[in-house]
């Protein structure tokens, strides 16, 4: 076995001077279960249970040789051992690992895919011990770091906060759910880490970075002309529609944003903790206005009219002057017809009452057909509506979901 973090409780054989002698020593000792010759240390042998042992997927570790009966050679499985009655016994059972290093994702008995399971040590290596310089952002359920796998692939590593409230079994179930989600507008889950108290998701890394790095950067915003922004809007809409309607289970994203801020939250979610697919629709509407205007919901304030972004957008829509809302750097490339459609859709999405917001299927129809221009959204009050909220009763709630933000391609 290569790249092994050697087990505890080894014994040093002081009479052995090389690897061949270490092998002979183990083979001649009926109680020897495994051996490893470590340069600078010598011959280590194990005659008891192999405890606290795992394999590095990256650099590090040592070669270790297991002594097996011939009938066992075709099937090898190992697990982290634990003592009977140990307070860690239940926790350690959760991190039992197969030699294959994969989590098999099935659906109704059919194998969908095999998801790689990474060791925590390999994640530490990939992220340079979760270096601040590798920090990509802070999601609603934990930080996300850039990482590099041993073969050179760059990934996004989401380390769930220990305060997320999830147990290991809940996390496994969520991993299986996320692994079943396959859509071109969703970032792909590449693997996971379930070790001790660590719960980590490994996603493909979007090479161009997150959307906000282009929307709000004076040097990059011109790269997103109107045609590109419109494609991004449609891509995000299709991704949300897939989660809400077309995936095997209905999934509520709950963390859709260009950058972290409470302004993306629907009033009923921010104030009352009530959420549904219509809460995602509200967040989509806010993000839509940011994409069009290049202005952050969290910082924009129009001093002339004493309005924040949502109020300013409604004022310009009401005055039929939406070109003023468009990012100045791209105004010459925009289609005013598409701008009117997008802003109208956005204002419909951020309606105060849940029942007044469209579904994502209706949103996509309006975006593709241009029929939103005939709609008349009410002026949002920009405050939460207290009391009973009309939520979608058929919604499946995923408490503490940790699905990473997706990006339209």
Protein backbone atom coordinates (compact mmCIF):
# COMPACT_ATOMS: atom_id res chain seq x y z
CA UNK A 1 0.00 0.00 0.00
CA UNK A 2 1.46 3.36 -1.10
CA UNK A 3 1.27 6.84 0.48
CA UNK A 4 0.03 5.50 3.83
CA UNK A 5 -0.19 7.40 7.09
CA UNK A 6 1.26 4.55 9.15
CA UNK A 7 -0.87 3.07 11.96
CA UNK A 8 -0.21 3.61 15.64
CA UNK A 9 1.34 0.99 17.97
CA UNK A 10 4.27 -0.03 15.76
CA UNK A 11 7.33 -1.84 17.07
CA UNK A 12 10.87 -1.12 15.87
CA UNK A 13 12.95 -4.18 14.96
CA UNK A 14 16.51 -3.00 15.87
CA UNK A 15 18.24 -6.00 14.26
CA UNK A 16 17.06 -5.23 10.71
CA UNK A 17 19.23 -2.97 8.54
CA UNK A 18 17.37 -2.84 5.17
CA UNK A 19 13.96 -3.33 3.52
CA UNK A 20 14.64 -6.91 2.44
CA UNK A 21 15.52 -7.83 6.00
CA UNK A 22 12.33 -6.14 7.23
CA UNK A 23 10.24 -8.26 4.86
CA UNK A 24 12.00 -11.46 5.95
CA UNK A 25 11.54 -10.56 9.60
CA UNK A 26 7.78 -10.13 9.18
CA UNK A 27 7.34 -13.30 7.10
CA UNK A 28 9.18 -15.34 9.72
CA UNK A 29 7.00 -14.00 12.54
CA UNK A 30 3.48 -15.50 12.62
CA UNK A 31 2.15 -12.62 14.72
CA UNK A 32 3.35 -9.92 12.26
CA UNK A 33 0.41 -8.34 10.44
CA UNK A 34 2.24 -5.61 8.52
CA UNK A 35 5.62 -3.94 8.11
CA UNK A 36 7.14 -0.75 6.70
CA UNK A 37 10.77 0.18 6.25
CA UNK A 38 11.15 3.93 6.79
CA UNK A 39 14.40 5.59 5.82
CA UNK A 40 16.08 7.17 8.84
CA UNK A 41 13.93 5.19 11.27
CA UNK A 42 14.24 1.53 10.32
CA UNK A 43 11.97 -1.51 10.27
CA UNK A 44 8.52 -0.99 11.79
CA UNK A 45 6.26 -3.98 12.36
CA UNK A 46 2.69 -4.35 13.63
CA UNK A 47 1.37 -7.33 15.52
CA UNK A 48 -1.88 -5.76 16.75
CA UNK A 49 -4.85 -3.96 15.20
CA UNK A 50 -3.97 -1.35 12.59
CA UNK A 51 -5.35 1.81 14.17
CA UNK A 52 -5.59 5.39 12.83
CA UNK A 53 -4.44 4.57 9.33
CA UNK A 54 -5.37 6.22 6.06
CA UNK A 55 -4.04 6.87 2.58
CA UNK A 56 -2.84 10.23 1.24
CA UNK A 57 -4.21 10.99 -2.21
CA UNK A 58 -1.43 13.53 -2.76
CA UNK A 59 2.17 13.66 -1.61
CA UNK A 60 3.38 12.17 1.65
CA UNK A 61 3.05 8.89 3.47
CA UNK A 62 5.06 5.70 3.30
CA UNK A 63 4.84 2.27 1.68
CA UNK A 64 3.36 -0.36 3.95
CA UNK A 65 3.04 -4.12 3.37
CA UNK A 66 0.09 -6.10 4.71
CA UNK A 67 0.42 -9.78 5.43
CA UNK A 68 -2.59 -11.62 4.00
CA UNK A 69 -3.77 -15.16 3.43
CA UNK A 70 -3.75 -16.03 -0.26
CA UNK A 71 -7.55 -16.12 -0.43
CA UNK A 72 -7.68 -12.52 0.78
CA UNK A 73 -5.52 -11.04 -1.96
CA UNK A 74 -8.44 -10.43 -4.33
CA UNK A 75 -10.38 -8.34 -1.84
CA UNK A 76 -8.79 -5.79 0.49
CA UNK A 77 -10.70 -3.57 2.85
CA UNK A 78 -9.53 -1.62 5.83
CA UNK A 79 -11.11 0.64 8.38
CA UNK A 80 -10.12 2.98 11.15
CA UNK A 81 -10.23 0.83 14.27
CA UNK A 82 -11.63 1.89 17.61
CA UNK A 83 -11.66 0.53 21.12
CA UNK A 84 -14.86 -0.91 22.56
CA UNK A 85 -16.74 1.69 24.58
CA UNK A 86 -14.56 4.58 23.38
CA UNK A 87 -16.32 7.93 23.31
CA UNK A 88 -15.12 8.24 19.72
CA UNK A 89 -16.55 4.88 18.63
CA UNK A 90 -19.69 6.26 16.97
CA UNK A 91 -17.81 9.09 15.30
CA UNK A 92 -15.14 6.73 13.94
CA UNK A 93 -17.76 4.43 12.44
CA UNK A 94 -18.81 7.34 10.26
CA UNK A 95 -15.40 7.56 8.64
CA UNK A 96 -14.97 3.93 7.62
CA UNK A 97 -13.30 4.01 4.21
CA UNK A 98 -12.96 1.48 1.45
CA UNK A 99 -9.72 0.99 -0.41
CA UNK A 100 -11.43 2.12 -3.61
CA UNK A 101 -11.84 5.60 -2.11
CA UNK A 102 -15.22 6.18 -3.71
CA UNK A 103 -18.79 6.75 -2.60
CA UNK A 104 -21.15 4.88 -4.88
CA UNK A 105 -24.12 7.00 -5.93
CA UNK A 106 -27.12 4.90 -6.84
CA UNK A 107 -30.72 5.58 -7.74
CA UNK A 108 -33.33 2.83 -7.52
CA UNK A 109 -30.53 0.27 -7.54
CA UNK A 110 -28.79 1.71 -10.59
CA UNK A 111 -25.21 2.98 -10.26
CA UNK A 112 -25.14 6.63 -11.36
CA UNK A 113 -21.52 7.48 -10.60
CA UNK A 114 -18.66 6.85 -8.21
CA UNK A 115 -17.74 9.93 -6.19
CA UNK A 116 -14.10 10.11 -4.98
CA UNK A 117 -13.61 10.36 -1.22
CA UNK A 118 -10.53 12.39 -0.26
CA UNK A 119 -8.56 12.18 2.97
CA UNK A 120 -8.35 15.28 5.12
CA UNK A 121 -4.55 15.28 4.74
CA UNK A 122 -4.89 15.47 0.96
CA UNK A 123 -7.25 18.44 1.35
CA UNK A 124 -4.72 20.18 3.61
CA UNK A 125 -2.05 19.64 0.97
CA UNK A 126 -4.31 20.81 -1.86
CA UNK A 127 -5.26 24.07 -0.10
CA UNK A 128 -1.88 24.75 1.54
CA UNK A 129 -3.49 24.15 4.94
CA UNK A 130 -6.50 26.33 4.08
CA UNK A 131 -4.24 29.29 3.40
CA UNK A 132 -5.90 32.71 3.45
CA UNK A 133 -4.29 33.39 0.06
CA UNK A 134 -6.39 30.53 -1.34
CA UNK A 135 -9.67 31.80 0.12
CA UNK A 136 -12.19 32.29 -2.71
CA UNK A 137 -15.10 33.46 -0.63
CA UNK A 138 -17.38 32.88 2.31
CA UNK A 139 -20.60 31.02 1.63
CA UNK A 140 -23.62 30.76 3.88
CA UNK A 141 -22.35 27.51 5.35
CA UNK A 142 -18.58 27.89 5.36
CA UNK A 143 -15.52 29.20 3.51
CA UNK A 144 -14.50 28.13 0.00
CA UNK A 145 -10.83 27.71 -0.91
CA UNK A 146 -8.96 27.17 -4.14
CA UNK A 147 -7.12 23.86 -4.18
CA UNK A 148 -4.88 21.88 -6.52
CA UNK A 149 -5.17 18.10 -6.74
CA UNK A 150 -2.02 15.95 -7.20
CA UNK A 151 -2.62 15.63 -10.95
CA UNK A 152 -2.74 19.43 -11.24
CA UNK A 153 -6.51 19.94 -11.47
CA UNK A 154 -7.69 23.13 -9.77
CA UNK A 155 -10.77 22.75 -7.58
CA UNK A 156 -13.00 24.71 -5.22
CA UNK A 157 -12.96 23.27 -1.69
CA UNK A 158 -15.95 24.11 0.49
CA UNK A 159 -15.27 23.45 4.19
CA UNK A 160 -18.55 23.29 6.05
CA UNK A 161 -18.65 25.21 9.28
CA UNK A 162 -18.72 23.09 12.42
CA UNK A 163 -21.69 25.21 13.51
CA UNK A 164 -23.74 24.11 10.49
CA UNK A 165 -25.59 21.68 12.73
CA UNK A 166 -25.21 18.75 10.37
CA UNK A 167 -24.27 15.31 11.58
CA UNK A 168 -22.13 12.99 9.49
CA UNK A 169 -25.09 10.89 8.34
CA UNK A 170 -27.00 14.01 7.25
CA UNK A 171 -23.93 15.19 5.39
CA UNK A 172 -23.57 11.86 3.58
CA UNK A 173 -27.20 12.03 2.49
CA UNK A 174 -26.70 15.56 1.21
CA UNK A 175 -23.56 14.58 -0.69
CA UNK A 176 -25.49 11.79 -2.38
CA UNK A 177 -28.24 14.27 -3.31
CA UNK A 178 -25.84 16.85 -4.72
CA UNK A 179 -23.93 14.18 -6.65
CA UNK A 180 -27.16 13.29 -8.45
CA UNK A 181 -27.58 16.86 -9.70
CA UNK A 182 -26.22 17.07 -13.23
CA UNK A 183 -26.82 20.23 -15.25
CA UNK A 184 -24.59 22.29 -17.51
CA UNK A 185 -25.33 25.43 -15.49
CA UNK A 186 -24.43 23.90 -12.13
CA UNK A 187 -20.86 23.51 -10.93
CA UNK A 188 -20.04 19.79 -10.70
CA UNK A 189 -19.32 18.00 -7.45
CA UNK A 190 -16.00 16.17 -7.84
CA UNK A 191 -15.63 14.56 -4.42
CA UNK A 192 -15.95 14.91 -0.69
CA UNK A 193 -14.13 14.40 2.59
CA UNK A 194 -15.83 12.80 5.60
CA UNK A 195 -13.24 12.51 8.32
CA UNK A 196 -13.59 13.05 12.06
CA UNK A 197 -15.52 16.33 12.42
CA UNK A 198 -14.56 17.57 8.96
CA UNK A 199 -17.24 17.75 6.26
CA UNK A 200 -15.84 19.04 2.97
CA UNK A 201 -17.16 19.29 -0.59
CA UNK A 202 -14.84 19.46 -3.62
CA UNK A 203 -16.26 21.18 -6.70
CA UNK A 204 -14.93 21.99 -10.13
CA UNK A 205 -13.32 25.43 -10.15
CA UNK A 206 -14.79 27.98 -12.52
CA UNK A 207 -11.66 29.23 -14.33
CA UNK A 208 -12.94 32.79 -14.76
CA UNK A 209 -13.82 33.22 -11.10
CA UNK A 210 -17.17 34.28 -9.67
CA UNK A 211 -19.58 36.62 -11.37
CA UNK A 212 -19.07 39.53 -8.96
CA UNK A 213 -15.38 39.79 -9.89
CA UNK A 214 -16.49 40.98 -13.33
CA UNK A 215 -19.68 42.87 -12.48
CA UNK A 216 -18.10 45.24 -9.98
CA UNK A 217 -14.53 45.53 -11.24
CA UNK A 218 -13.93 48.68 -13.30
CA UNK A 219 -11.20 46.93 -15.25
CA UNK A 220 -13.25 43.84 -16.12
CA UNK A 221 -16.89 44.95 -16.42
CA UNK A 222 -16.50 45.78 -20.14
CA UNK A 223 -15.72 42.10 -20.79
CA UNK A 224 -19.35 41.36 -19.99
CA UNK A 225 -21.17 43.06 -22.85
CA UNK A 226 -24.94 42.97 -22.96
CA UNK A 227 -25.11 39.77 -25.02
CA UNK A 228 -22.89 37.95 -22.51
CA UNK A 229 -24.90 39.23 -19.55
CA UNK A 230 -28.14 38.10 -21.13
CA UNK A 231 -26.73 34.61 -21.68
CA UNK A 232 -25.62 34.51 -18.03
CA UNK A 233 -29.11 35.52 -16.91
CA UNK A 234 -30.71 32.77 -18.99
CA UNK A 235 -28.14 30.25 -17.77
CA UNK A 236 -28.81 30.99 -14.11
CA UNK A 237 -32.55 30.83 -14.74
CA UNK A 238 -32.21 27.38 -16.34
CA UNK A 239 -30.05 26.19 -13.46
CA UNK A 240 -32.66 27.28 -10.91
CA UNK A 241 -35.48 25.76 -12.94
CA UNK A 242 -33.62 22.46 -12.96
CA UNK A 243 -33.30 22.56 -9.15
CA UNK A 244 -36.92 23.57 -8.61
CA UNK A 245 -38.65 21.37 -11.17
CA UNK A 246 -36.52 19.04 -13.27
CA UNK A 247 -34.11 17.37 -10.82
CA UNK A 248 -35.01 14.11 -9.07
CA UNK A 249 -35.85 16.03 -5.90
CA UNK A 250 -37.01 19.61 -5.61
CA UNK A 251 -34.09 21.63 -4.24
CA UNK A 252 -34.17 25.13 -2.78
CA UNK A 253 -30.85 26.90 -3.30
CA UNK A 254 -31.21 29.48 -0.48
CA UNK A 255 -27.83 31.12 -1.17
CA UNK A 256 -28.10 32.57 -4.68
CA UNK A 257 -26.03 35.76 -4.92
CA UNK A 258 -23.28 37.65 -6.68
CA UNK A 259 -21.56 38.36 -3.35
CA UNK A 260 -22.53 37.69 0.32
CA UNK A 261 -25.21 40.00 1.69
CA UNK A 262 -28.61 39.77 3.33
CA UNK A 263 -30.06 41.95 0.55
CA UNK A 264 -30.51 38.84 -1.61
CA UNK A 265 -32.82 37.24 0.94
CA UNK A 266 -36.56 37.32 0.45
CA UNK A 267 -38.36 39.27 3.21
CA UNK A 268 -40.13 36.20 4.57
CA UNK A 269 -36.83 34.31 4.80
CA UNK A 270 -34.76 37.14 6.30
CA UNK A 271 -37.33 38.10 8.91
CA UNK A 272 -39.26 34.91 9.64
CA UNK A 273 -37.06 32.05 8.48
CA UNK A 274 -39.75 30.90 6.03
CA UNK A 275 -38.45 29.80 2.68
CA UNK A 276 -39.69 28.14 -0.50
CA UNK A 277 -38.81 28.07 -4.17
CA UNK A 278 -40.24 31.59 -4.31
CA UNK A 279 -37.47 32.72 -1.94
CA UNK A 280 -34.97 31.68 -4.61
CA UNK A 281 -37.04 33.62 -7.16
CA UNK A 282 -36.64 36.77 -5.05
CA UNK A 283 -32.85 36.30 -4.87
CA UNK A 284 -32.77 35.76 -8.63
CA UNK A 285 -34.56 39.07 -9.14
CA UNK A 286 -31.99 40.95 -7.05
CA UNK A 287 -29.11 39.26 -8.88
CA UNK A 288 -30.75 40.14 -12.19
CA UNK A 289 -30.74 43.85 -11.30
CA UNK A 290 -27.07 43.64 -10.29
CA UNK A 291 -26.14 42.02 -13.61
CA UNK A 292 -27.98 44.72 -15.55
CA UNK A 293 -26.76 47.72 -13.55
CA UNK A 294 -23.30 46.64 -12.39
CA UNK A 295 -24.28 47.96 -8.94
CA UNK A 296 -24.19 46.05 -5.65
CA UNK A 297 -27.42 45.62 -3.75
CA UNK A 298 -25.41 46.01 -0.55
CA UNK A 299 -23.80 49.38 -1.31
CA UNK A 300 -25.76 51.26 -3.97
CA UNK A 301 -27.73 54.27 -2.81
CA UNK A 302 -29.01 57.06 -5.05
CA UNK A 303 -28.68 60.23 -2.99
CA UNK A 304 -30.57 62.36 -5.50
CA UNK A 305 -33.75 60.32 -5.14
CA UNK A 306 -33.00 58.75 -1.73
CA UNK A 307 -33.47 55.26 -3.16
CA UNK A 308 -31.66 51.94 -2.91
CA UNK A 309 -31.19 49.73 -5.96
CA UNK A 310 -34.64 48.09 -5.96
CA UNK A 311 -36.41 51.42 -5.51
CA UNK A 312 -34.28 53.10 -8.17
CA UNK A 313 -34.97 50.29 -10.65
CA UNK A 314 -38.73 50.58 -10.08
CA UNK A 315 -38.62 54.36 -10.49
CA UNK A 316 -36.81 54.08 -13.84
CA UNK A 317 -39.18 51.31 -15.00
CA UNK A 318 -42.20 53.43 -14.05
CA UNK A 319 -40.74 56.40 -15.97
CA UNK A 320 -39.88 54.22 -19.00
CA UNK A 321 -36.22 55.27 -18.68
CA UNK A 322 -34.48 51.93 -18.12
CA UNK A 323 -31.40 52.77 -20.16
CA UNK A 324 -30.27 54.78 -17.12
CA UNK A 325 -30.17 51.59 -15.08
CA UNK A 326 -27.80 49.77 -17.45
CA UNK A 327 -24.09 49.65 -16.60
CA UNK A 328 -22.69 52.72 -18.44
CA UNK A 329 -19.74 50.73 -19.81
CA UNK A 330 -22.06 48.52 -21.88
CA UNK A 331 -24.98 50.81 -22.72
CA UNK A 332 -23.93 51.03 -26.35
CA UNK A 333 -24.11 47.23 -26.75
CA UNK A 334 -27.48 46.63 -25.09
CA UNK A 335 -30.85 45.81 -26.58
CA UNK A 336 -33.39 48.11 -24.95
CA UNK A 337 -36.13 45.55 -25.63
CA UNK A 338 -34.21 42.88 -23.71
CA UNK A 339 -33.38 45.38 -20.96
CA UNK A 340 -37.09 46.15 -20.48
CA UNK A 341 -37.84 42.42 -20.37
CA UNK A 342 -35.12 41.69 -17.82
CA UNK A 343 -35.94 44.57 -15.49
CA UNK A 344 -39.65 43.77 -15.60
CA UNK A 345 -38.90 40.14 -14.76
CA UNK A 346 -36.60 41.25 -11.92
CA UNK A 347 -39.28 43.52 -10.42
CA UNK A 348 -41.85 40.72 -10.64
CA UNK A 349 -39.41 38.43 -8.83
CA UNK A 350 -38.89 40.85 -5.91
CA UNK A 351 -42.56 41.38 -5.13
CA UNK A 352 -43.28 41.49 -1.40
CA UNK A 353 -45.92 38.77 -1.38
CA UNK A 354 -44.79 35.26 -2.27
CA UNK A 355 -47.90 34.61 -4.36
CA UNK A 356 -47.15 37.65 -6.57
CA UNK A 357 -43.77 36.27 -7.68
CA UNK A 358 -43.54 34.08 -10.78
CA UNK A 359 -42.16 30.56 -10.82
CA UNK A 360 -38.81 29.96 -12.51
CA UNK A 361 -40.58 28.24 -15.40
CA UNK A 362 -42.61 31.42 -15.96
CA UNK A 363 -39.44 33.51 -15.63
CA UNK A 364 -37.72 31.53 -18.36
CA UNK A 365 -40.73 31.78 -20.65
CA UNK A 366 -40.84 35.58 -20.18
CA UNK A 367 -37.10 35.91 -20.83
CA UNK A 368 -37.23 33.86 -24.02
CA UNK A 369 -40.48 35.25 -25.41
CA UNK A 370 -40.27 38.88 -24.29
CA UNK A 371 -43.84 38.73 -22.92
CA UNK A 372 -42.79 40.34 -19.63
CA UNK A 373 -43.02 43.78 -21.24
CA UNK A 374 -46.83 43.63 -20.92
CA UNK A 375 -46.68 42.84 -17.18
CA UNK A 376 -47.12 45.47 -14.46
CA UNK A 377 -45.24 44.72 -11.25
CA UNK A 378 -46.28 46.50 -8.05
CA UNK A 379 -43.85 48.84 -6.36
CA UNK A 380 -41.93 46.79 -3.78
CA UNK A 381 -42.07 48.15 -0.26
CA UNK A 382 -38.53 46.84 0.45
CA UNK A 383 -39.54 45.57 3.88
CA UNK A 384 -40.63 42.18 5.19
CA UNK A 385 -44.31 41.38 5.34
CA UNK A 386 -45.01 40.13 8.84
CA UNK A 387 -47.57 37.50 9.69
CA UNK A 388 -48.63 34.44 7.67
CA UNK A 389 -46.88 34.11 4.32
CA UNK A 390 -48.32 32.29 1.34
CA UNK A 391 -45.59 29.77 0.58
CA UNK A 392 -45.64 26.98 -1.95
CA UNK A 393 -47.12 24.11 0.06
CA UNK A 394 -45.58 21.50 -2.24
CA UNK A 395 -42.07 22.70 -1.53
CA UNK A 396 -39.52 20.25 -0.12
CA UNK A 397 -37.38 22.09 2.44
CA UNK A 398 -33.70 21.16 2.79
CA UNK A 399 -32.61 22.61 6.13
CA UNK A 400 -28.99 23.74 6.26
CA UNK A 401 -28.42 22.87 2.62
CA UNK A 402 -24.90 23.63 1.44
CA UNK A 403 -25.16 23.62 -2.31
CA UNK A 404 -22.53 25.86 -3.81
CA UNK A 405 -23.59 28.89 -5.86
CA UNK A 406 -23.91 28.07 -9.56
CA UNK A 407 -22.90 30.25 -12.47
CA UNK A 408 -24.37 30.56 -15.93
CA UNK A 409 -21.92 29.43 -18.62
